[in-house]
Full PDB file with SEQRES, HELIX, SHEET, SSBOND, CRYST1, ORIGX, SCALE, CONECT and MASTER records, all heavy atoms in Angstrom:
SEQRES   1 A   32  ILE GLU THR GLU LEU ALA ARG GLY SER MET ASP ARG VAL          
SEQRES   2 A   32  GLU MET ARG ASP PRO ALA LYS ARG TYR HIS ILE MET THR          
SEQRES   3 A   32  ILE ALA GLU VAL GLU LYS                                      
HELIX    1 AA1 GLU A    2  ARG A    7  1                                   6    
HELIX    2 AA2 ARG A   12  MET A   15  1                                   4    
HELIX    3 AA3 PRO A   18  ARG A   21  5                                   4    
HELIX    4 AA4 ILE A   27  GLU A   31  1                                   5    
CRYST1    1.000    1.000    1.000  90.00  90.00  90.00 P 1           1          
ORIGX1      1.000000  0.000000  0.000000        0.00000                         
ORIGX2      0.000000  1.000000  0.000000        0.00000                         
ORIGX3      0.000000  0.000000  1.000000        0.00000                         
SCALE1      1.000000  0.000000  0.000000        0.00000                         
SCALE2      0.000000  1.000000  0.000000        0.00000                         
SCALE3      0.000000  0.000000  1.000000        0.00000                         
ATOM      1  N   ILE A   1     139.621  -4.828   4.809  1.00  0.00           N  
ATOM      2  CA  ILE A   1     140.417  -6.044   4.992  1.00  0.00           C  
ATOM      3  C   ILE A   1     139.514  -7.276   5.041  1.00  0.00           C  
ATOM      4  O   ILE A   1     139.768  -8.289   4.370  1.00  0.00           O  
ATOM      5  CB  ILE A   1     141.274  -5.940   6.268  1.00  0.00           C  
ATOM      6  CG1 ILE A   1     142.407  -4.924   6.058  1.00  0.00           C  
ATOM      7  CG2 ILE A   1     141.850  -7.309   6.648  1.00  0.00           C  
ATOM      8  CD1 ILE A   1     143.240  -4.658   7.303  1.00  0.00           C  
ATOM      9  N   GLU A   2     138.448  -7.215   5.821  1.00  0.00           N  
ATOM     10  CA  GLU A   2     137.587  -8.394   5.973  1.00  0.00           C  
ATOM     11  C   GLU A   2     136.834  -8.704   4.688  1.00  0.00           C  
ATOM     12  O   GLU A   2     136.600  -9.884   4.372  1.00  0.00           O  
ATOM     13  CB  GLU A   2     136.628  -8.202   7.148  1.00  0.00           C  
ATOM     14  CG  GLU A   2     137.345  -8.181   8.494  1.00  0.00           C  
ATOM     15  CD  GLU A   2     136.399  -8.268   9.686  1.00  0.00           C  
ATOM     16  OE1 GLU A   2     135.171  -8.179   9.487  1.00  0.00           O  
ATOM     17  OE2 GLU A   2     136.891  -8.435  10.816  1.00  0.00           O  
ATOM     18  N   THR A   3     136.470  -7.697   3.923  1.00  0.00           N  
ATOM     19  CA  THR A   3     135.796  -7.942   2.645  1.00  0.00           C  
ATOM     20  C   THR A   3     136.727  -8.656   1.680  1.00  0.00           C  
ATOM     21  O   THR A   3     136.314  -9.600   0.978  1.00  0.00           O  
ATOM     22  CB  THR A   3     135.299  -6.619   2.031  1.00  0.00           C  
ATOM     23  OG1 THR A   3     134.386  -5.990   2.935  1.00  0.00           O  
ATOM     24  CG2 THR A   3     134.592  -6.872   0.704  1.00  0.00           C  
ATOM     25  N   GLU A   4     137.988  -8.231   1.635  1.00  0.00           N  
ATOM     26  CA  GLU A   4     138.950  -8.914   0.769  1.00  0.00           C  
ATOM     27  C   GLU A   4     139.204 -10.340   1.248  1.00  0.00           C  
ATOM     28  O   GLU A   4     139.342 -11.265   0.435  1.00  0.00           O  
ATOM     29  CB  GLU A   4     140.261  -8.127   0.712  1.00  0.00           C  
ATOM     30  CG  GLU A   4     140.143  -6.802  -0.017  1.00  0.00           C  
ATOM     31  CD  GLU A   4     139.591  -6.958  -1.424  1.00  0.00           C  
ATOM     32  OE1 GLU A   4     140.082  -7.823  -2.176  1.00  0.00           O  
ATOM     33  OE2 GLU A   4     138.650  -6.218  -1.766  1.00  0.00           O  
ATOM     34  N   LEU A   5     139.271 -10.541   2.564  1.00  0.00           N  
ATOM     35  CA  LEU A   5     139.429 -11.900   3.079  1.00  0.00           C  
ATOM     36  C   LEU A   5     138.242 -12.772   2.687  1.00  0.00           C  
ATOM     37  O   LEU A   5     138.403 -13.957   2.359  1.00  0.00           O  
ATOM     38  CB  LEU A   5     139.561 -11.879   4.607  1.00  0.00           C  
ATOM     39  CG  LEU A   5     140.842 -11.274   5.192  1.00  0.00           C  
ATOM     40  CD1 LEU A   5     140.810 -11.346   6.715  1.00  0.00           C  
ATOM     41  CD2 LEU A   5     142.080 -11.986   4.663  1.00  0.00           C  
ATOM     42  N   ALA A   6     137.045 -12.192   2.712  1.00  0.00           N  
ATOM     43  CA  ALA A   6     135.854 -12.937   2.304  1.00  0.00           C  
ATOM     44  C   ALA A   6     135.953 -13.353   0.839  1.00  0.00           C  
ATOM     45  O   ALA A   6     135.615 -14.486   0.467  1.00  0.00           O  
ATOM     46  CB  ALA A   6     134.603 -12.096   2.540  1.00  0.00           C  
ATOM     47  N   ARG A   7     136.424 -12.440  -0.002  1.00  0.00           N  
ATOM     48  CA  ARG A   7     136.571 -12.761  -1.432  1.00  0.00           C  
ATOM     49  C   ARG A   7     137.548 -13.917  -1.628  1.00  0.00           C  
ATOM     50  O   ARG A   7     137.396 -14.726  -2.548  1.00  0.00           O  
ATOM     51  CB  ARG A   7     137.076 -11.547  -2.201  1.00  0.00           C  
ATOM     52  CG  ARG A   7     136.126 -10.373  -2.275  1.00  0.00           C  
ATOM     53  CD  ARG A   7     136.688  -9.298  -3.203  1.00  0.00           C  
ATOM     54  NE  ARG A   7     136.158  -7.988  -2.892  1.00  0.00           N  
ATOM     55  CZ  ARG A   7     134.960  -7.561  -3.261  1.00  0.00           C  
ATOM     56  NH1 ARG A   7     134.188  -8.362  -3.960  1.00  0.00           N  
ATOM     57  NH2 ARG A   7     134.538  -6.351  -2.929  1.00  0.00           N  
ATOM     58  N   GLY A   8     138.561 -13.973  -0.802  1.00  0.00           N  
ATOM     59  CA  GLY A   8     139.591 -14.997  -0.969  1.00  0.00           C  
ATOM     60  C   GLY A   8     139.346 -16.276  -0.193  1.00  0.00           C  
ATOM     61  O   GLY A   8     140.203 -17.164  -0.180  1.00  0.00           O  
ATOM     62  N   SER A   9     138.186 -16.389   0.447  1.00  0.00           N  
ATOM     63  CA  SER A   9     137.881 -17.565   1.256  1.00  0.00           C  
ATOM     64  C   SER A   9     137.023 -18.557   0.482  1.00  0.00           C  
ATOM     65  O   SER A   9     136.134 -18.168  -0.283  1.00  0.00           O  
ATOM     66  CB  SER A   9     137.136 -17.154   2.535  1.00  0.00           C  
ATOM     67  OG  SER A   9     137.928 -16.311   3.343  1.00  0.00           O  
ATOM     68  N   MET A  10     137.277 -19.831   0.699  1.00  0.00           N  
ATOM     69  CA  MET A  10     136.384 -20.852   0.156  1.00  0.00           C  
ATOM     70  C   MET A  10     135.047 -20.770   0.875  1.00  0.00           C  
ATOM     71  O   MET A  10     134.991 -20.425   2.060  1.00  0.00           O  
ATOM     72  CB  MET A  10     136.978 -22.248   0.354  1.00  0.00           C  
ATOM     73  CG  MET A  10     138.183 -22.541  -0.506  1.00  0.00           C  
ATOM     74  SD  MET A  10     138.581 -24.316  -0.532  1.00  0.00           S  
ATOM     75  CE  MET A  10     139.145 -24.566   1.145  1.00  0.00           C  
ATOM     76  N   ASP A  11     133.966 -21.110   0.170  1.00  0.00           N  
ATOM     77  CA  ASP A  11     132.680 -21.112   0.848  1.00  0.00           C  
ATOM     78  C   ASP A  11     132.526 -22.388   1.674  1.00  0.00           C  
ATOM     79  O   ASP A  11     133.354 -23.303   1.591  1.00  0.00           O  
ATOM     80  CB  ASP A  11     131.529 -20.918  -0.140  1.00  0.00           C  
ATOM     81  CG  ASP A  11     131.358 -22.082  -1.123  1.00  0.00           C  
ATOM     82  OD1 ASP A  11     131.620 -23.248  -0.758  1.00  0.00           O  
ATOM     83  OD2 ASP A  11     130.947 -21.823  -2.267  1.00  0.00           O  
ATOM     84  N   ARG A  12     131.463 -22.443   2.456  1.00  0.00           N  
ATOM     85  CA  ARG A  12     131.299 -23.548   3.396  1.00  0.00           C  
ATOM     86  C   ARG A  12     131.086 -24.897   2.704  1.00  0.00           C  
ATOM     87  O   ARG A  12     131.471 -25.936   3.249  1.00  0.00           O  
ATOM     88  CB  ARG A  12     130.147 -23.242   4.349  1.00  0.00           C  
ATOM     89  CG  ARG A  12     130.447 -22.104   5.303  1.00  0.00           C  
ATOM     90  CD  ARG A  12     129.259 -21.734   6.168  1.00  0.00           C  
ATOM     91  NE  ARG A  12     129.558 -20.552   6.971  1.00  0.00           N  
ATOM     92  CZ  ARG A  12     130.090 -20.591   8.191  1.00  0.00           C  
ATOM     93  NH1 ARG A  12     130.352 -21.755   8.750  1.00  0.00           N  
ATOM     94  NH2 ARG A  12     130.342 -19.477   8.857  1.00  0.00           N  
ATOM     95  N   VAL A  13     130.469 -24.893   1.556  1.00  0.00           N  
ATOM     96  CA  VAL A  13     130.278 -26.150   0.839  1.00  0.00           C  
ATOM     97  C   VAL A  13     131.614 -26.678   0.330  1.00  0.00           C  
ATOM     98  O   VAL A  13     131.916 -27.872   0.445  1.00  0.00           O  
ATOM     99  CB  VAL A  13     129.279 -25.967  -0.319  1.00  0.00           C  
ATOM    100  CG1 VAL A  13     129.191 -27.233  -1.168  1.00  0.00           C  
ATOM    101  CG2 VAL A  13     127.894 -25.608   0.231  1.00  0.00           C  
ATOM    102  N   GLU A  14     132.443 -25.804  -0.226  1.00  0.00           N  
ATOM    103  CA  GLU A  14     133.777 -26.223  -0.674  1.00  0.00           C  
ATOM    104  C   GLU A  14     134.595 -26.784   0.482  1.00  0.00           C  
ATOM    105  O   GLU A  14     135.309 -27.787   0.336  1.00  0.00           O  
ATOM    106  CB  GLU A  14     134.526 -25.033  -1.280  1.00  0.00           C  
ATOM    107  CG  GLU A  14     134.038 -24.568  -2.626  1.00  0.00           C  
ATOM    108  CD  GLU A  14     134.874 -23.414  -3.137  1.00  0.00           C  
ATOM    109  OE1 GLU A  14     134.767 -22.299  -2.596  1.00  0.00           O  
ATOM    110  OE2 GLU A  14     135.650 -23.627  -4.084  1.00  0.00           O  
ATOM    111  N   MET A  15     134.488 -26.149   1.649  1.00  0.00           N  
ATOM    112  CA  MET A  15     135.280 -26.573   2.801  1.00  0.00           C  
ATOM    113  C   MET A  15     134.871 -27.955   3.315  1.00  0.00           C  
ATOM    114  O   MET A  15     135.608 -28.580   4.083  1.00  0.00           O  
ATOM    115  CB  MET A  15     135.153 -25.552   3.932  1.00  0.00           C  
ATOM    116  CG  MET A  15     135.916 -24.258   3.691  1.00  0.00           C  
ATOM    117  SD  MET A  15     137.701 -24.503   3.638  1.00  0.00           S  
ATOM    118  CE  MET A  15     138.026 -24.906   5.364  1.00  0.00           C  
ATOM    119  N   ARG A  16     133.712 -28.456   2.892  1.00  0.00           N  
ATOM    120  CA  ARG A  16     133.282 -29.777   3.330  1.00  0.00           C  
ATOM    121  C   ARG A  16     134.039 -30.890   2.605  1.00  0.00           C  
ATOM    122  O   ARG A  16     134.021 -32.039   3.041  1.00  0.00           O  
ATOM    123  CB  ARG A  16     131.778 -29.962   3.105  1.00  0.00           C  
ATOM    124  CG  ARG A  16     130.899 -29.027   3.930  1.00  0.00           C  
ATOM    125  CD  ARG A  16     129.422 -29.361   3.780  1.00  0.00           C  
ATOM    126  NE  ARG A  16     129.112 -30.634   4.424  1.00  0.00           N  
ATOM    127  CZ  ARG A  16     128.803 -31.735   3.786  1.00  0.00           C  
ATOM    128  NH1 ARG A  16     128.776 -31.744   2.450  1.00  0.00           N  
ATOM    129  NH2 ARG A  16     128.534 -32.845   4.455  1.00  0.00           N  
ATOM    130  N   ASP A  17     134.679 -30.566   1.496  1.00  0.00           N  
ATOM    131  CA  ASP A  17     135.366 -31.577   0.687  1.00  0.00           C  
ATOM    132  C   ASP A  17     136.811 -31.708   1.159  1.00  0.00           C  
ATOM    133  O   ASP A  17     137.606 -30.784   0.998  1.00  0.00           O  
ATOM    134  CB  ASP A  17     135.331 -31.158  -0.785  1.00  0.00           C  
ATOM    135  CG  ASP A  17     135.887 -32.236  -1.705  1.00  0.00           C  
ATOM    136  OD1 ASP A  17     136.520 -33.187  -1.212  1.00  0.00           O  
ATOM    137  OD2 ASP A  17     135.688 -32.119  -2.932  1.00  0.00           O  
ATOM    138  N   PRO A  18     137.193 -32.865   1.744  1.00  0.00           N  
ATOM    139  CA  PRO A  18     138.570 -32.995   2.250  1.00  0.00           C  
ATOM    140  C   PRO A  18     139.630 -32.814   1.173  1.00  0.00           C  
ATOM    141  O   PRO A  18     140.728 -32.329   1.469  1.00  0.00           O  
ATOM    142  CB  PRO A  18     138.600 -34.407   2.854  1.00  0.00           C  
ATOM    143  CG  PRO A  18     137.415 -35.114   2.302  1.00  0.00           C  
ATOM    144  CD  PRO A  18     136.388 -34.067   2.014  1.00  0.00           C  
ATOM    145  N   ALA A  19     139.319 -33.167  -0.068  1.00  0.00           N  
ATOM    146  CA  ALA A  19     140.315 -33.015  -1.137  1.00  0.00           C  
ATOM    147  C   ALA A  19     140.614 -31.551  -1.411  1.00  0.00           C  
ATOM    148  O   ALA A  19     141.741 -31.200  -1.791  1.00  0.00           O  
ATOM    149  CB  ALA A  19     139.813 -33.697  -2.415  1.00  0.00           C  
ATOM    150  N   LYS A  20     139.627 -30.679  -1.206  1.00  0.00           N  
ATOM    151  CA  LYS A  20     139.812 -29.259  -1.491  1.00  0.00           C  
ATOM    152  C   LYS A  20     140.513 -28.517  -0.359  1.00  0.00           C  
ATOM    153  O   LYS A  20     140.885 -27.359  -0.533  1.00  0.00           O  
ATOM    154  CB  LYS A  20     138.457 -28.609  -1.788  1.00  0.00           C  
ATOM    155  CG  LYS A  20     137.838 -29.085  -3.097  1.00  0.00           C  
ATOM    156  CD  LYS A  20     136.537 -28.359  -3.389  1.00  0.00           C  
ATOM    157  CE  LYS A  20     135.954 -28.813  -4.733  1.00  0.00           C  
ATOM    158  NZ  LYS A  20     134.682 -28.125  -5.052  1.00  0.00           N  
ATOM    159  N   ARG A  21     140.662 -29.159   0.777  1.00  0.00           N  
ATOM    160  CA  ARG A  21     141.339 -28.494   1.890  1.00  0.00           C  
ATOM    161  C   ARG A  21     142.622 -29.229   2.303  1.00  0.00           C  
ATOM    162  O   ARG A  21     143.054 -29.137   3.443  1.00  0.00           O  
ATOM    163  CB  ARG A  21     140.386 -28.346   3.078  1.00  0.00           C  
ATOM    164  CG  ARG A  21     139.799 -29.622   3.620  1.00  0.00           C  
ATOM    165  CD  ARG A  21     138.934 -29.358   4.861  1.00  0.00           C  
ATOM    166  NE  ARG A  21     138.594 -30.604   5.533  1.00  0.00           N  
ATOM    167  CZ  ARG A  21     137.434 -31.244   5.414  1.00  0.00           C  
ATOM    168  NH1 ARG A  21     136.481 -30.726   4.650  1.00  0.00           N  
ATOM    169  NH2 ARG A  21     137.213 -32.375   6.067  1.00  0.00           N  
ATOM    170  N   TYR A  22     143.220 -29.918   1.344  1.00  0.00           N  
ATOM    171  CA  TYR A  22     144.458 -30.651   1.630  1.00  0.00           C  
ATOM    172  C   TYR A  22     145.503 -30.309   0.578  1.00  0.00           C  
ATOM    173  O   TYR A  22     145.436 -30.750  -0.572  1.00  0.00           O  
ATOM    174  CB  TYR A  22     144.191 -32.158   1.629  1.00  0.00           C  
ATOM    175  CG  TYR A  22     145.356 -33.003   2.101  1.00  0.00           C  
ATOM    176  CD1 TYR A  22     145.649 -33.119   3.457  1.00  0.00           C  
ATOM    177  CD2 TYR A  22     146.150 -33.696   1.194  1.00  0.00           C  
ATOM    178  CE1 TYR A  22     146.704 -33.909   3.894  1.00  0.00           C  
ATOM    179  CE2 TYR A  22     147.208 -34.487   1.623  1.00  0.00           C  
ATOM    180  CZ  TYR A  22     147.474 -34.584   2.973  1.00  0.00           C  
ATOM    181  OH  TYR A  22     148.521 -35.372   3.412  1.00  0.00           O  
ATOM    182  N   HIS A  23     146.470 -29.478   0.972  1.00  0.00           N  
ATOM    183  CA  HIS A  23     147.554 -29.077   0.071  1.00  0.00           C  
ATOM    184  C   HIS A  23     148.842 -29.012   0.898  1.00  0.00           C  
ATOM    185  O   HIS A  23     149.087 -28.018   1.584  1.00  0.00           O  
ATOM    186  CB  HIS A  23     147.277 -27.711  -0.568  1.00  0.00           C  
ATOM    187  CG  HIS A  23     145.911 -27.583  -1.168  1.00  0.00           C  
ATOM    188  ND1 HIS A  23     144.816 -27.136  -0.445  1.00  0.00           N  
ATOM    189  CD2 HIS A  23     145.461 -27.863  -2.417  1.00  0.00           C  
ATOM    190  CE1 HIS A  23     143.750 -27.132  -1.229  1.00  0.00           C  
ATOM    191  NE2 HIS A  23     144.104 -27.566  -2.427  1.00  0.00           N  
ATOM    192  N   ILE A  24     149.645 -30.042   0.834  1.00  0.00           N  
ATOM    193  CA  ILE A  24     150.895 -30.081   1.590  1.00  0.00           C  
ATOM    194  C   ILE A  24     151.949 -29.253   0.858  1.00  0.00           C  
ATOM    195  O   ILE A  24     152.236 -29.482  -0.323  1.00  0.00           O  
ATOM    196  CB  ILE A  24     151.394 -31.525   1.780  1.00  0.00           C  
ATOM    197  CG1 ILE A  24     150.337 -32.357   2.523  1.00  0.00           C  
ATOM    198  CG2 ILE A  24     152.712 -31.522   2.545  1.00  0.00           C  
ATOM    199  CD1 ILE A  24     150.042 -31.874   3.926  1.00  0.00           C  
ATOM    200  N   MET A  25     152.528 -28.281   1.574  1.00  0.00           N  
ATOM    201  CA  MET A  25     153.537 -27.407   0.985  1.00  0.00           C  
ATOM    202  C   MET A  25     154.710 -27.271   1.933  1.00  0.00           C  
ATOM    203  O   MET A  25     154.539 -27.294   3.159  1.00  0.00           O  
ATOM    204  CB  MET A  25     152.956 -26.006   0.720  1.00  0.00           C  
ATOM    205  CG  MET A  25     151.802 -25.963  -0.253  1.00  0.00           C  
ATOM    206  SD  MET A  25     151.263 -24.250  -0.525  1.00  0.00           S  
ATOM    207  CE  MET A  25     149.957 -24.501  -1.729  1.00  0.00           C  
ATOM    208  N   THR A  26     155.877 -27.097   1.363  1.00  0.00           N  
ATOM    209  CA  THR A  26     157.031 -26.773   2.186  1.00  0.00           C  
ATOM    210  C   THR A  26     156.885 -25.334   2.670  1.00  0.00           C  
ATOM    211  O   THR A  26     156.123 -24.543   2.101  1.00  0.00           O  
ATOM    212  CB  THR A  26     158.337 -26.903   1.389  1.00  0.00           C  
ATOM    213  OG1 THR A  26     158.341 -25.917   0.339  1.00  0.00           O  
ATOM    214  CG2 THR A  26     158.466 -28.303   0.782  1.00  0.00           C  
ATOM    215  N   ILE A  27     157.632 -24.996   3.705  1.00  0.00           N  
ATOM    216  CA  ILE A  27     157.573 -23.616   4.215  1.00  0.00           C  
ATOM    217  C   ILE A  27     158.016 -22.642   3.135  1.00  0.00           C  
ATOM    218  O   ILE A  27     157.437 -21.555   2.982  1.00  0.00           O  
ATOM    219  CB  ILE A  27     158.439 -23.466   5.476  1.00  0.00           C  
ATOM    220  CG1 ILE A  27     158.009 -24.484   6.549  1.00  0.00           C  
ATOM    221  CG2 ILE A  27     158.357 -22.045   6.014  1.00  0.00           C  
ATOM    222  CD1 ILE A  27     156.547 -24.419   6.920  1.00  0.00           C  
ATOM    223  N   ALA A  28     159.005 -23.030   2.348  1.00  0.00           N  
ATOM    224  CA  ALA A  28     159.471 -22.162   1.262  1.00  0.00           C  
ATOM    225  C   ALA A  28     158.362 -21.926   0.246  1.00  0.00           C  
ATOM    226  O   ALA A  28     158.200 -20.811  -0.269  1.00  0.00           O  
ATOM    227  CB  ALA A  28     160.689 -22.781   0.580  1.00  0.00           C  
ATOM    228  N   GLU A  29     157.577 -22.968  -0.041  1.00  0.00           N  
ATOM    229  CA  GLU A  29     156.477 -22.817  -0.997  1.00  0.00           C  
ATOM    230  C   GLU A  29     155.384 -21.902  -0.447  1.00  0.00           C  
ATOM    231  O   GLU A  29     154.807 -21.093  -1.181  1.00  0.00           O  
ATOM    232  CB  GLU A  29     155.898 -24.189  -1.341  1.00  0.00           C  
ATOM    233  CG  GLU A  29     156.822 -25.046  -2.192  1.00  0.00           C  
ATOM    234  CD  GLU A  29     156.323 -26.466  -2.357  1.00  0.00           C  
ATOM    235  OE1 GLU A  29     155.611 -26.963  -1.450  1.00  0.00           O  
ATOM    236  OE2 GLU A  29     156.641 -27.089  -3.386  1.00  0.00           O  
ATOM    237  N   VAL A  30     155.127 -22.012   0.833  1.00  0.00           N  
ATOM    238  CA  VAL A  30     154.124 -21.138   1.446  1.00  0.00           C  
ATOM    239  C   VAL A  30     154.608 -19.692   1.426  1.00  0.00           C  
ATOM    240  O   VAL A  30     153.840 -18.759   1.167  1.00  0.00           O  
ATOM    241  CB  VAL A  30     153.804 -21.582   2.887  1.00  0.00           C  
ATOM    242  CG1 VAL A  30     152.745 -20.667   3.500  1.00  0.00           C  
ATOM    243  CG2 VAL A  30     153.318 -23.019   2.919  1.00  0.00           C  
ATOM    244  N   GLU A  31     155.894 -19.500   1.677  1.00  0.00           N  
ATOM    245  CA  GLU A  31     156.433 -18.141   1.694  1.00  0.00           C  
ATOM    246  C   GLU A  31     156.441 -17.527   0.295  1.00  0.00           C  
ATOM    247  O   GLU A  31     156.400 -16.297   0.163  1.00  0.00           O  
ATOM    248  CB  GLU A  31     157.826 -18.140   2.310  1.00  0.00           C  
ATOM    249  CG  GLU A  31     157.773 -18.396   3.826  1.00  0.00           C  
ATOM    250  CD  GLU A  31     159.127 -18.300   4.500  1.00  0.00           C  
ATOM    251  OE1 GLU A  31     160.142 -18.579   3.819  1.00  0.00           O  
ATOM    252  OE2 GLU A  31     159.170 -17.978   5.698  1.00  0.00           O  
ATOM    253  N   LYS A  32     156.466 -18.364  -0.752  1.00  0.00           N  
ATOM    254  CA  LYS A  32     156.338 -17.832  -2.111  1.00  0.00           C  
ATOM    255  C   LYS A  32     154.934 -17.278  -2.338  1.00  0.00           C  
ATOM    256  O   LYS A  32     154.756 -16.318  -3.094  1.00  0.00           O  
ATOM    257  CB  LYS A  32     156.640 -18.925  -3.136  1.00  0.00           C  
ATOM    258  CG  LYS A  32     158.121 -19.254  -3.277  1.00  0.00           C  
ATOM    259  CD  LYS A  32     158.351 -20.291  -4.366  1.00  0.00           C  
ATOM    260  CE  LYS A  32     159.830 -20.620  -4.498  1.00  0.00           C  
ATOM    261  NZ  LYS A  32     160.057 -21.665  -5.554  1.00  0.00           N  
TER     262      LYS A  32                                                      
MASTER        0    0    0    4    0    0    0    6  261    1    0    3          
END                                                                             
């Protein structure tokens, strides 16, 4: 489980960019 989570995680450099960590979604969109 943790290895797959690692594969699907942004790296620390990507996470420093506010544009890359800002995605407003409705609850319905998140549930999709």
